[in-house]
Amino acid sequence: MRPPLGYRLSAWAVSKTPHPLLGLAANAGGFIHYWLSAEKRRDYLSNIAPVARFTRQCPPWRAFQNQALNVLELLKAASQSEEDIATRVALHGESNIDQALSAGKGLILTTYHTGNWELAGLALALRGYPITTVAGEQLRPGWSEPVKRLKERFGVRMIRTGGGIRTLYGDLRSNRAIVLHIDGDVFTGGYDVSFLGQTVTVPRGPAHLSRVLSCPLSLAYCRRSRGNRLDVTVEPAAAPPADAAGEVRFTQALMTRIEKCIMEDPGQWCIFRKLSRTAGREMS
């Protein structure tokens, strides 16, 4: 099945555009998006403005510009070689992945929407790590299938949202690394935690899977640095929670660490919906 015409035209145009020009286009498009999308702007600011310090170097529309560049970079990846992707991404903490997987129980890589998380996943797979990720609709309606095929081309195993918890169990038992976004909004069962100065509900999945399967869990995140570079950091794995109450404490500690990372550079975090205490759905 051929990708939609809009996807093919967009990918073709981006493939012919040097990365510096993509950055300029993203800066302009993200700035316009910020001012024209009143609801997204309001939700983003309600999430982060009470605790963030915006500066001239990091204005409130920076996250919108970064997200625009994320989309363009993902489209460009369709025409790039494995070397093009691998050389752009620096991996810090590779030994933490190796040590966790050496136990043979799989690894949960908990992450959040920062930097270019899409290219980060591709880069990990290109280094030979068995990566599985859960994804819903990608970019826009009709584009999910070509984006899925793109990721699979680079070695990422894709599980659709709602694909079932048993699939995740099986992949962890096969000693794969499962990437789970803890700031997503599609999940079943969550824990209320303190985050960015408010109480929000986040998925219980990472902590619960870690406890039930005695599987190590690491925080992984991506950040943009100057120029064309992305830095992916994988922190040392934590031991699984001992019991259900430990899952809650574990999740709160994880969110506290993520909050600190966000505050170091608020423009890297790309969530444009209001965080709430309404638990998500699916993934049952």
C-alpha atoms as a PDB file:
ATOM      1  CA  MET A   1       0.000   0.000   0.000  1.00  0.00           C
ATOM      2  CA  ARG A   2       1.466   3.339  -1.044  1.00  0.00           C
ATOM      3  CA  PRO A   3       1.755   6.135   1.534  1.00  0.00           C
ATOM      4  CA  PRO A   4      -0.709   9.031   1.171  1.00  0.00           C
ATOM      5  CA  LEU A   5       0.191  11.640  -1.426  1.00  0.00           C
ATOM      6  CA  GLY A   6       0.663  14.308   1.230  1.00  0.00           C
ATOM      7  CA  TYR A   7       3.193  12.162   3.054  1.00  0.00           C
ATOM      8  CA  ARG A   8       5.105  11.339  -0.130  1.00  0.00           C
ATOM      9  CA  LEU A   9       5.254  14.978  -1.231  1.00  0.00           C
ATOM     10  CA  SER A  10       6.326  16.170   2.221  1.00  0.00           C
ATOM     11  CA  ALA A  11       9.026  13.491   2.512  1.00  0.00           C
ATOM     12  CA  TRP A  12      10.302  14.281  -0.988  1.00  0.00           C
ATOM     13  CA  ALA A  13      10.501  18.019  -0.305  1.00  0.00           C
ATOM     14  CA  VAL A  14      12.265  17.502   3.015  1.00  0.00           C
ATOM     15  CA  SER A  15      14.727  15.038   1.470  1.00  0.00           C
ATOM     16  CA  LYS A  16      15.937  17.798  -0.874  1.00  0.00           C
ATOM     17  CA  THR A  17      16.354  20.368   1.894  1.00  0.00           C
ATOM     18  CA  PRO A  18      19.633  20.774   3.830  1.00  0.00           C
ATOM     19  CA  HIS A  19      19.267  20.493   7.599  1.00  0.00           C
ATOM     20  CA  PRO A  20      20.135  24.181   8.290  1.00  0.00           C
ATOM     21  CA  LEU A  21      17.205  25.234   6.103  1.00  0.00           C
ATOM     22  CA  LEU A  22      14.954  22.759   7.896  1.00  0.00           C
ATOM     23  CA  GLY A  23      15.936  24.463  11.137  1.00  0.00           C
ATOM     24  CA  LEU A  24      14.999  27.876   9.758  1.00  0.00           C
ATOM     25  CA  ALA A  25      11.678  26.545   8.472  1.00  0.00           C
ATOM     26  CA  ALA A  26      10.952  24.911  11.839  1.00  0.00           C
ATOM     27  CA  ASN A  27      11.748  28.114  13.714  1.00  0.00           C
ATOM     28  CA  ALA A  28       9.370  30.110  11.548  1.00  0.00           C
ATOM     29  CA  GLY A  29       6.660  27.457  11.483  1.00  0.00           C
ATOM     30  CA  GLY A  30       6.877  26.765  15.203  1.00  0.00           C
ATOM     31  CA  PHE A  31       6.636  30.461  16.045  1.00  0.00           C
ATOM     32  CA  ILE A  32       3.526  30.834  13.863  1.00  0.00           C
ATOM     33  CA  HIS A  33       2.021  27.633  15.284  1.00  0.00           C
ATOM     34  CA  TYR A  34       2.516  28.923  18.828  1.00  0.00           C
ATOM     35  CA  TRP A  35       0.590  32.138  18.157  1.00  0.00           C
ATOM     36  CA  LEU A  36      -2.153  30.645  15.976  1.00  0.00           C
ATOM     37  CA  SER A  37      -2.900  27.562  18.108  1.00  0.00           C
ATOM     38  CA  ALA A  38      -4.561  29.195  21.081  1.00  0.00           C
ATOM     39  CA  GLU A  39      -5.637  25.964  22.781  1.00  0.00           C
ATOM     40  CA  LYS A  40      -2.246  24.266  22.494  1.00  0.00           C
ATOM     41  CA  ARG A  41      -0.496  27.429  23.637  1.00  0.00           C
ATOM     42  CA  ARG A  42      -2.799  27.755  26.638  1.00  0.00           C
ATOM     43  CA  ASP A  43      -2.417  24.098  27.608  1.00  0.00           C
ATOM     44  CA  TYR A  44       1.369  24.150  27.221  1.00  0.00           C
ATOM     45  CA  LEU A  45       1.709  27.271  29.356  1.00  0.00           C
ATOM     46  CA  SER A  46      -0.669  25.946  32.007  1.00  0.00           C
ATOM     47  CA  ASN A  47       1.578  22.880  32.298  1.00  0.00           C
ATOM     48  CA  ILE A  48       4.934  24.577  32.511  1.00  0.00           C
ATOM     49  CA  ALA A  49       4.732  28.344  33.024  1.00  0.00           C
ATOM     50  CA  PRO A  50       4.186  28.208  36.816  1.00  0.00           C
ATOM     51  CA  VAL A  51       7.581  26.555  37.323  1.00  0.00           C
ATOM     52  CA  ALA A  52       9.592  27.405  34.186  1.00  0.00           C
ATOM     53  CA  ARG A  53      11.809  30.417  33.633  1.00  0.00           C
ATOM     54  CA  PHE A  54      11.627  31.508  30.034  1.00  0.00           C
ATOM     55  CA  THR A  55      14.498  33.586  28.712  1.00  0.00           C
ATOM     56  CA  ARG A  56      15.558  35.236  25.495  1.00  0.00           C
ATOM     57  CA  GLN A  57      17.473  32.059  24.660  1.00  0.00           C
ATOM     58  CA  CYS A  58      14.498  29.879  25.637  1.00  0.00           C
ATOM     59  CA  PRO A  59      11.228  31.720  24.854  1.00  0.00           C
ATOM     60  CA  PRO A  60       7.877  29.987  25.431  1.00  0.00           C
ATOM     61  CA  TRP A  61       7.522  29.114  21.728  1.00  0.00           C
ATOM     62  CA  ARG A  62      10.824  27.181  21.650  1.00  0.00           C
ATOM     63  CA  ALA A  63       9.099  23.842  22.268  1.00  0.00           C
ATOM     64  CA  PHE A  64       6.808  24.443  19.279  1.00  0.00           C
ATOM     65  CA  GLN A  65       9.869  25.116  17.120  1.00  0.00           C
ATOM     66  CA  ASN A  66      11.570  21.966  18.358  1.00  0.00           C
ATOM     67  CA  GLN A  67       8.500  19.881  17.628  1.00  0.00           C
ATOM     68  CA  ALA A  68       8.286  21.302  14.092  1.00  0.00           C
ATOM     69  CA  LEU A  69      11.910  20.281  13.564  1.00  0.00           C
ATOM     70  CA  ASN A  70      11.166  16.813  15.003  1.00  0.00           C
ATOM     71  CA  VAL A  71       8.523  16.260  12.321  1.00  0.00           C
ATOM     72  CA  LEU A  72      10.780  17.467   9.511  1.00  0.00           C
ATOM     73  CA  GLU A  73      13.668  15.311  10.742  1.00  0.00           C
ATOM     74  CA  LEU A  74      11.491  12.214  10.919  1.00  0.00           C
ATOM     75  CA  LEU A  75      10.303  12.789   7.356  1.00  0.00           C
ATOM     76  CA  LYS A  76      13.882  13.316   6.221  1.00  0.00           C
ATOM     77  CA  ALA A  77      14.941  10.032   7.829  1.00  0.00           C
ATOM     78  CA  ALA A  78      12.991   8.215   5.095  1.00  0.00           C
ATOM     79  CA  SER A  79      15.662   9.254   2.590  1.00  0.00           C
ATOM     80  CA  GLN A  80      18.684   8.891   4.877  1.00  0.00           C
ATOM     81  CA  SER A  81      21.080   6.011   5.351  1.00  0.00           C
ATOM     82  CA  GLU A  82      21.747   4.253   8.634  1.00  0.00           C
ATOM     83  CA  GLU A  83      25.061   6.102   8.851  1.00  0.00           C
ATOM     84  CA  ASP A  84      23.327   9.469   8.435  1.00  0.00           C
ATOM     85  CA  ILE A  85      21.175   8.759  11.492  1.00  0.00           C
ATOM     86  CA  ALA A  86      23.830   7.080  13.635  1.00  0.00           C
ATOM     87  CA  THR A  87      26.407   9.840  13.221  1.00  0.00           C
ATOM     88  CA  ARG A  88      23.963  12.522  14.335  1.00  0.00           C
ATOM     89  CA  VAL A  89      23.119  10.907  17.660  1.00  0.00           C
ATOM     90  CA  ALA A  90      25.561  10.576  20.563  1.00  0.00           C
ATOM     91  CA  LEU A  91      24.690   7.900  23.126  1.00  0.00           C
ATOM     92  CA  HIS A  92      25.650   8.424  26.766  1.00  0.00           C
ATOM     93  CA  GLY A  93      25.245   5.558  29.209  1.00  0.00           C
ATOM     94  CA  GLU A  94      25.538   2.704  26.728  1.00  0.00           C
ATOM     95  CA  SER A  95      27.120   0.562  29.438  1.00  0.00           C
ATOM     96  CA  ASN A  96      23.944   1.004  31.507  1.00  0.00           C
ATOM     97  CA  ILE A  97      21.936  -0.669  28.735  1.00  0.00           C
ATOM     98  CA  ASP A  98      24.468  -3.480  28.374  1.00  0.00           C
ATOM     99  CA  GLN A  99      24.548  -4.151  32.100  1.00  0.00           C
ATOM    100  CA  ALA A 100      20.752  -4.199  32.401  1.00  0.00           C
ATOM    101  CA  LEU A 101      20.265  -6.540  29.432  1.00  0.00           C
ATOM    102  CA  SER A 102      22.995  -8.868  30.673  1.00  0.00           C
ATOM    103  CA  ALA A 103      20.571 -10.094  33.356  1.00  0.00           C
ATOM    104  CA  GLY A 104      18.379 -11.531  30.587  1.00  0.00           C
ATOM    105  CA  LYS A 105      15.117 -10.066  31.924  1.00  0.00           C
ATOM    106  CA  GLY A 106      14.707  -7.268  29.408  1.00  0.00           C
ATOM    107  CA  LEU A 107      14.852  -3.536  30.096  1.00  0.00           C
ATOM    108  CA  ILE A 108      12.190  -0.859  30.394  1.00  0.00           C
ATOM    109  CA  LEU A 109      13.437   2.431  28.965  1.00  0.00           C
ATOM    110  CA  THR A 110      11.088   5.012  30.394  1.00  0.00           C
ATOM    111  CA  THR A 111      11.205   8.296  28.556  1.00  0.00           C
ATOM    112  CA  TYR A 112       9.261  11.483  27.897  1.00  0.00           C
ATOM    113  CA  HIS A 113       8.705  13.727  24.871  1.00  0.00           C
ATOM    114  CA  THR A 114      11.964  15.635  24.768  1.00  0.00           C
ATOM    115  CA  GLY A 115      14.551  16.432  22.120  1.00  0.00           C
ATOM    116  CA  ASN A 116      13.835  14.222  19.117  1.00  0.00           C
ATOM    117  CA  TRP A 117      12.700  11.003  20.767  1.00  0.00           C
ATOM    118  CA  GLU A 118      11.893   9.466  17.377  1.00  0.00           C
ATOM    119  CA  LEU A 119      15.462   9.649  16.067  1.00  0.00           C
ATOM    120  CA  ALA A 120      16.752   8.571  19.480  1.00  0.00           C
ATOM    121  CA  GLY A 121      14.867   5.283  19.130  1.00  0.00           C
ATOM    122  CA  LEU A 122      16.195   4.745  15.611  1.00  0.00           C
ATOM    123  CA  ALA A 123      19.751   5.379  16.787  1.00  0.00           C
ATOM    124  CA  LEU A 124      19.457   2.829  19.619  1.00  0.00           C
ATOM    125  CA  ALA A 125      18.176   0.197  17.188  1.00  0.00           C
ATOM    126  CA  LEU A 126      21.016   0.969  14.767  1.00  0.00           C
ATOM    127  CA  ARG A 127      23.495   0.238  17.559  1.00  0.00           C
ATOM    128  CA  GLY A 128      22.125  -3.269  17.692  1.00  0.00           C
ATOM    129  CA  TYR A 129      19.781  -2.977  20.674  1.00  0.00           C
ATOM    130  CA  PRO A 130      16.478  -4.878  20.354  1.00  0.00           C
ATOM    131  CA  ILE A 131      14.071  -1.959  20.706  1.00  0.00           C
ATOM    132  CA  THR A 132      10.293  -2.228  21.008  1.00  0.00           C
ATOM    133  CA  THR A 133       8.095   0.835  21.288  1.00  0.00           C
ATOM    134  CA  VAL A 134       4.384   1.529  21.682  1.00  0.00           C
ATOM    135  CA  ALA A 135       2.877   4.169  19.401  1.00  0.00           C
ATOM    136  CA  GLY A 136      -0.548   5.493  18.523  1.00  0.00           C
ATOM    137  CA  GLU A 137      -1.327   7.768  15.607  1.00  0.00           C
ATOM    138  CA  GLN A 138       1.843   9.239  14.128  1.00  0.00           C
ATOM    139  CA  LEU A 139       2.054  12.864  12.946  1.00  0.00           C
ATOM    140  CA  ARG A 140      -1.411  13.038  11.363  1.00  0.00           C
ATOM    141  CA  PRO A 141      -4.270  10.761  10.176  1.00  0.00           C
ATOM    142  CA  GLY A 142      -3.168   8.408   7.433  1.00  0.00           C
ATOM    143  CA  TRP A 143       0.552   8.806   8.093  1.00  0.00           C
ATOM    144  CA  SER A 144       0.905   6.199  10.840  1.00  0.00           C
ATOM    145  CA  GLU A 145       1.544   3.235   8.532  1.00  0.00           C
ATOM    146  CA  PRO A 146       4.414   4.787   6.520  1.00  0.00           C
ATOM    147  CA  VAL A 147       5.988   6.092   9.727  1.00  0.00           C
ATOM    148  CA  LYS A 148       5.716   2.609  11.236  1.00  0.00           C
ATOM    149  CA  ARG A 149       7.411   1.089   8.185  1.00  0.00           C
ATOM    150  CA  LEU A 150      10.145   3.719   8.409  1.00  0.00           C
ATOM    151  CA  LYS A 151      10.914   2.802  12.017  1.00  0.00           C
ATOM    152  CA  GLU A 152      10.830  -0.906  11.271  1.00  0.00           C
ATOM    153  CA  ARG A 153      13.312  -0.340   8.454  1.00  0.00           C
ATOM    154  CA  PHE A 154      15.802   0.875  11.033  1.00  0.00           C
ATOM    155  CA  GLY A 155      15.090  -2.091  13.337  1.00  0.00           C
ATOM    156  CA  VAL A 156      12.482  -0.778  15.775  1.00  0.00           C
ATOM    157  CA  ARG A 157       9.660  -3.204  16.588  1.00  0.00           C
ATOM    158  CA  MET A 158       6.365  -1.302  16.685  1.00  0.00           C
ATOM    159  CA  ILE A 159       3.371  -2.197  18.849  1.00  0.00           C
ATOM    160  CA  ARG A 160       0.146  -0.347  18.242  1.00  0.00           C
ATOM    161  CA  THR A 161      -1.539   1.311  21.193  1.00  0.00           C
ATOM    162  CA  GLY A 162      -4.035  -1.245  22.439  1.00  0.00           C
ATOM    163  CA  GLY A 163      -1.863  -4.067  21.122  1.00  0.00           C
ATOM    164  CA  GLY A 164      -1.992  -5.790  24.479  1.00  0.00           C
ATOM    165  CA  ILE A 165       0.061  -6.102  27.629  1.00  0.00           C
ATOM    166  CA  ARG A 166       0.896  -9.724  26.787  1.00  0.00           C
ATOM    167  CA  THR A 167       2.947  -8.535  23.821  1.00  0.00           C
ATOM    168  CA  LEU A 168       5.039  -6.380  26.138  1.00  0.00           C
ATOM    169  CA  TYR A 169       5.454  -9.309  28.536  1.00  0.00           C
ATOM    170  CA  GLY A 170       6.683 -11.473  25.704  1.00  0.00           C
ATOM    171  CA  ASP A 171       9.179  -8.922  24.432  1.00  0.00           C
ATOM    172  CA  LEU A 172      10.622  -8.345  27.892  1.00  0.00           C
ATOM    173  CA  ARG A 173      10.951 -12.092  28.440  1.00  0.00           C
ATOM    174  CA  SER A 174      12.801 -12.181  25.105  1.00  0.00           C
ATOM    175  CA  ASN A 175      15.283  -9.691  26.627  1.00  0.00           C
ATOM    176  CA  ARG A 176      14.229  -6.733  24.532  1.00  0.00           C
ATOM    177  CA  ALA A 177      14.320  -3.082  25.595  1.00  0.00           C
ATOM    178  CA  ILE A 178      10.790  -1.633  25.786  1.00  0.00           C
ATOM    179  CA  VAL A 179      10.458   2.134  25.325  1.00  0.00           C
ATOM    180  CA  LEU A 180       7.500   3.613  27.238  1.00  0.00           C
ATOM    181  CA  HIS A 181       6.580   7.313  27.339  1.00  0.00           C
ATOM    182  CA  ILE A 182       5.435   8.169  30.828  1.00  0.00           C
ATOM    183  CA  ASP A 183       3.997  11.546  29.791  1.00  0.00           C
ATOM    184  CA  GLY A 184       1.635   9.965  27.260  1.00  0.00           C
ATOM    185  CA  ASP A 185      -2.145  10.208  27.521  1.00  0.00           C
ATOM    186  CA  VAL A 186      -3.244   6.757  26.337  1.00  0.00           C
ATOM    187  CA  PHE A 187      -3.043   4.150  29.099  1.00  0.00           C
ATOM    188  CA  THR A 188      -5.065   2.086  31.523  1.00  0.00           C
ATOM    189  CA  GLY A 189      -4.466   2.611  35.199  1.00  0.00           C
ATOM    190  CA  GLY A 190      -2.389   5.428  36.560  1.00  0.00           C
ATOM    191  CA  TYR A 191      -0.906   6.919  39.685  1.00  0.00           C
ATOM    192  CA  ASP A 192      -1.423  10.447  40.944  1.00  0.00           C
ATOM    193  CA  VAL A 193       1.920  12.170  41.364  1.00  0.00           C
ATOM    194  CA  SER A 194       3.245  15.637  42.025  1.00  0.00           C
ATOM    195  CA  PHE A 195       4.654  17.062  38.805  1.00  0.00           C
ATOM    196  CA  LEU A 196       5.410  20.618  37.702  1.00  0.00           C
ATOM    197  CA  GLY A 197       3.627  22.086  40.690  1.00  0.00           C
ATOM    198  CA  GLN A 198       0.379  20.156  40.293  1.00  0.00           C
ATOM    199  CA  THR A 199      -1.098  16.703  40.778  1.00  0.00           C
ATOM    200  CA  VAL A 200      -1.360  14.684  37.569  1.00  0.00           C
ATOM    201  CA  THR A 201      -2.076  11.091  36.628  1.00  0.00           C
ATOM    202  CA  VAL A 202       0.687   9.197  34.830  1.00  0.00           C
ATOM    203  CA  PRO A 203       0.806   5.582  33.587  1.00  0.00           C
ATOM    204  CA  ARG A 204       1.513   2.897  36.135  1.00  0.00           C
ATOM    205  CA  GLY A 205       2.778   0.632  33.341  1.00  0.00           C
ATOM    206  CA  PRO A 206       6.555   1.167  33.667  1.00  0.00           C
ATOM    207  CA  ALA A 207       6.684   0.572  37.425  1.00  0.00           C
ATOM    208  CA  HIS A 208       4.120  -2.235  37.312  1.00  0.00           C
ATOM    209  CA  LEU A 209       5.865  -4.142  34.520  1.00  0.00           C
ATOM    210  CA  SER A 210       9.169  -3.721  36.305  1.00  0.00           C
ATOM    211  CA  ARG A 211       7.748  -5.206  39.528  1.00  0.00           C
ATOM    212  CA  VAL A 212       5.744  -8.050  37.980  1.00  0.00           C
ATOM    213  CA  LEU A 213       8.569  -9.245  35.723  1.00  0.00           C
ATOM    214  CA  SER A 214      11.478  -8.306  38.013  1.00  0.00           C
ATOM    215  CA  CYS A 215      12.758  -6.228  35.119  1.00  0.00           C
ATOM    216  CA  PRO A 216      15.236  -3.335  35.482  1.00  0.00           C
ATOM    217  CA  LEU A 217      14.074   0.137  34.511  1.00  0.00           C
ATOM    218  CA  SER A 218      16.143   3.071  33.251  1.00  0.00           C
ATOM    219  CA  LEU A 219      15.253   6.663  32.500  1.00  0.00           C
ATOM    220  CA  ALA A 220      16.275   7.578  28.951  1.00  0.00           C
ATOM    221  CA  TYR A 221      15.944  10.982  27.322  1.00  0.00           C
ATOM    222  CA  CYS A 222      17.107  12.940  24.295  1.00  0.00           C
ATOM    223  CA  ARG A 223      18.259  16.546  24.071  1.00  0.00           C
ATOM    224  CA  ARG A 224      19.196  18.789  21.231  1.00  0.00           C
ATOM    225  CA  SER A 225      22.559  20.462  21.392  1.00  0.00           C
ATOM    226  CA  ARG A 226      24.114  22.974  19.048  1.00  0.00           C
ATOM    227  CA  GLY A 227      23.993  22.387  15.350  1.00  0.00           C
ATOM    228  CA  ASN A 228      22.806  19.071  14.035  1.00  0.00           C
ATOM    229  CA  ARG A 229      23.526  16.969  17.138  1.00  0.00           C
ATOM    230  CA  LEU A 230      21.272  14.954  19.416  1.00  0.00           C
ATOM    231  CA  ASP A 231      22.407  13.562  22.761  1.00  0.00           C
ATOM    232  CA  VAL A 232      20.675  10.495  24.191  1.00  0.00           C
ATOM    233  CA  THR A 233      21.282   9.716  27.859  1.00  0.00           C
ATOM    234  CA  VAL A 234      20.418   6.398  29.500  1.00  0.00           C
ATOM    235  CA  GLU A 235      20.716   6.542  33.281  1.00  0.00           C
ATOM    236  CA  PRO A 236      21.706   3.552  35.441  1.00  0.00           C
ATOM    237  CA  ALA A 237      18.916   1.018  35.849  1.00  0.00           C
ATOM    238  CA  ALA A 238      16.933   0.963  39.062  1.00  0.00           C
ATOM    239  CA  ALA A 239      15.882  -2.184  40.889  1.00  0.00           C
ATOM    240  CA  PRO A 240      12.206  -3.141  40.468  1.00  0.00           C
ATOM    241  CA  PRO A 241       9.699  -1.966  43.115  1.00  0.00           C
ATOM    242  CA  ALA A 242       9.151  -4.515  45.853  1.00  0.00           C
ATOM    243  CA  ASP A 243       5.367  -4.211  46.089  1.00  0.00           C
ATOM    244  CA  ALA A 244       2.341  -2.249  44.863  1.00  0.00           C
ATOM    245  CA  ALA A 245       2.982   0.613  47.283  1.00  0.00           C
ATOM    246  CA  GLY A 246       6.549   0.707  46.037  1.00  0.00           C
ATOM    247  CA  GLU A 247       5.257   1.250  42.504  1.00  0.00           C
ATOM    248  CA  VAL A 248       3.735   4.559  43.556  1.00  0.00           C
ATOM    249  CA  ARG A 249       6.925   5.741  45.260  1.00  0.00           C
ATOM    250  CA  PHE A 250       8.965   4.556  42.296  1.00  0.00           C
ATOM    251  CA  THR A 251       6.763   6.471  39.850  1.00  0.00           C
ATOM    252  CA  GLN A 252       6.903   9.635  41.941  1.00  0.00           C
ATOM    253  CA  ALA A 253      10.709   9.463  42.115  1.00  0.00           C
ATOM    254  CA  LEU A 254      10.832   8.984  38.357  1.00  0.00           C
ATOM    255  CA  MET A 255       8.592  11.994  37.704  1.00  0.00           C
ATOM    256  CA  THR A 256      10.625  14.128  40.099  1.00  0.00           C
ATOM    257  CA  ARG A 257      13.749  13.287  38.100  1.00  0.00           C
ATOM    258  CA  ILE A 258      11.978  14.091  34.813  1.00  0.00           C
ATOM    259  CA  GLU A 259      10.744  17.394  36.233  1.00  0.00           C
ATOM    260  CA  LYS A 260      14.327  18.358  37.054  1.00  0.00           C
ATOM    261  CA  CYS A 261      15.421  17.515  33.502  1.00  0.00           C
ATOM    262  CA  ILE A 262      12.605  19.597  32.031  1.00  0.00           C
ATOM    263  CA  MET A 263      13.429  22.584  34.188  1.00  0.00           C
ATOM    264  CA  GLU A 264      17.031  22.514  32.958  1.00  0.00           C
ATOM    265  CA  ASP A 265      15.781  23.297  29.444  1.00  0.00           C
ATOM    266  CA  PRO A 266      11.984  23.770  29.168  1.00  0.00           C
ATOM    267  CA  GLY A 267      12.097  24.276  25.405  1.00  0.00           C
ATOM    268  CA  GLN A 268      13.066  20.627  24.873  1.00  0.00           C
ATOM    269  CA  TRP A 269       9.777  19.230  26.240  1.00  0.00           C
ATOM    270  CA  CYS A 270       7.072  18.910  23.578  1.00  0.00           C
ATOM    271  CA  ILE A 271       3.682  18.255  25.166  1.00  0.00           C
ATOM    272  CA  PHE A 272       0.880  20.542  23.996  1.00  0.00           C
ATOM    273  CA  ARG A 273      -2.126  19.107  25.778  1.00  0.00           C
ATOM    274  CA  LYS A 274      -3.161  19.908  29.309  1.00  0.00           C
ATOM    275  CA  LEU A 275      -1.933  17.486  31.939  1.00  0.00           C
ATOM    276  CA  SER A 276      -4.840  16.283  34.012  1.00  0.00           C
ATOM    277  CA  ARG A 277      -5.940  13.804  36.634  1.00  0.00           C
ATOM    278  CA  THR A 278      -8.023  11.868  34.154  1.00  0.00           C
ATOM    279  CA  ALA A 279      -6.523   8.441  33.651  1.00  0.00           C
ATOM    280  CA  GLY A 280      -5.980   7.349  30.069  1.00  0.00           C
ATOM    281  CA  ARG A 281      -7.379   4.442  28.169  1.00  0.00           C
ATOM    282  CA  GLU A 282      -6.465   1.327  26.185  1.00  0.00           C
ATOM    283  CA  MET A 283      -3.216  -0.652  26.665  1.00  0.00           C
ATOM    284  CA  SER A 284      -5.128  -3.363  28.484  1.00  0.00           C
END
